[in-house]
Amino acid sequence: MEFAQVVARCAEILRRVPPHVTVVAATKDRTVAEIRAAISAGIQHIGENYVQEAEKKMREIPEPATWHMIGRLQTNKARKAAQLFHWIQSVDSLELAQRLAQAAAQARKILPVLIQVNIGREPQKAGVWPEQVFALAQGIRGLPNLELRGLMAIPPAPERPEDSRPYFRAMRTLFEELRAAGFPIDTLSMGMSADWEIAVEEGATMIRLGTALFGPRA
């Protein structure tokens, strides 16, 4: 998509999204020019799925942005991911959290993380089952250099936006239960281009948008 078109689409989305909700541009397979257009329109958060793709893009994008790892992260990529990214949204095991904590310590940084929840219990997707969230949160709380900020989910792909509402509502319940248990979390990352408005209605504080900002992938 042309630079001006991306700028216009991003500006329109930013006008529609409430100010308390952070827009993360999901930029897998998007060009450096598209990402720079989004940043110029006011997008401040960039989400990538792969460590190597993100590293290459970061070298070519001089504009300041906050980079989020939003894809499945293998433990053998944890060290590099902790060095590159400002947030890791896809923590789904204590082993991964431990690797990230070690790498963050080496990088002398505090790394904000989210627990990815497989709220639809889909075998092909990453994330912990809902009943495993509390134990993983307790494990992360004991790790230096990690800051547990909240939860992330990718519900089953909806035929209609409304189909996602029960999953978003379940995520909000989990989020509130963790807060009630004393975890000082503030981020609920859920909602994508097809259903972000429903997600916001159900309590999302962060949404991850690709097609809504850049149009369909080539």
Foldseek 3Di string as FASTA:
>chain_A
DDLVQLLVLLLVVVVVDDPLAAEEEEQEVHDLSSVLSNVVSPRAHYEYADLVVQVVSVVVHPDHHAYEHDHDDDLVCLLSCLLPHQEYEDDADLSSLQSNLVSLVVVVAQHEYAFEEALQPDPVGGGHHLVCVVVSVVSNVPGPSYQYAYHEYEYPDDPALVVCLVSLLVRVVSRVVVVVVPRNHDAYEDEEPRHNVSNVVNPHSYYYYYCSSPNDDD
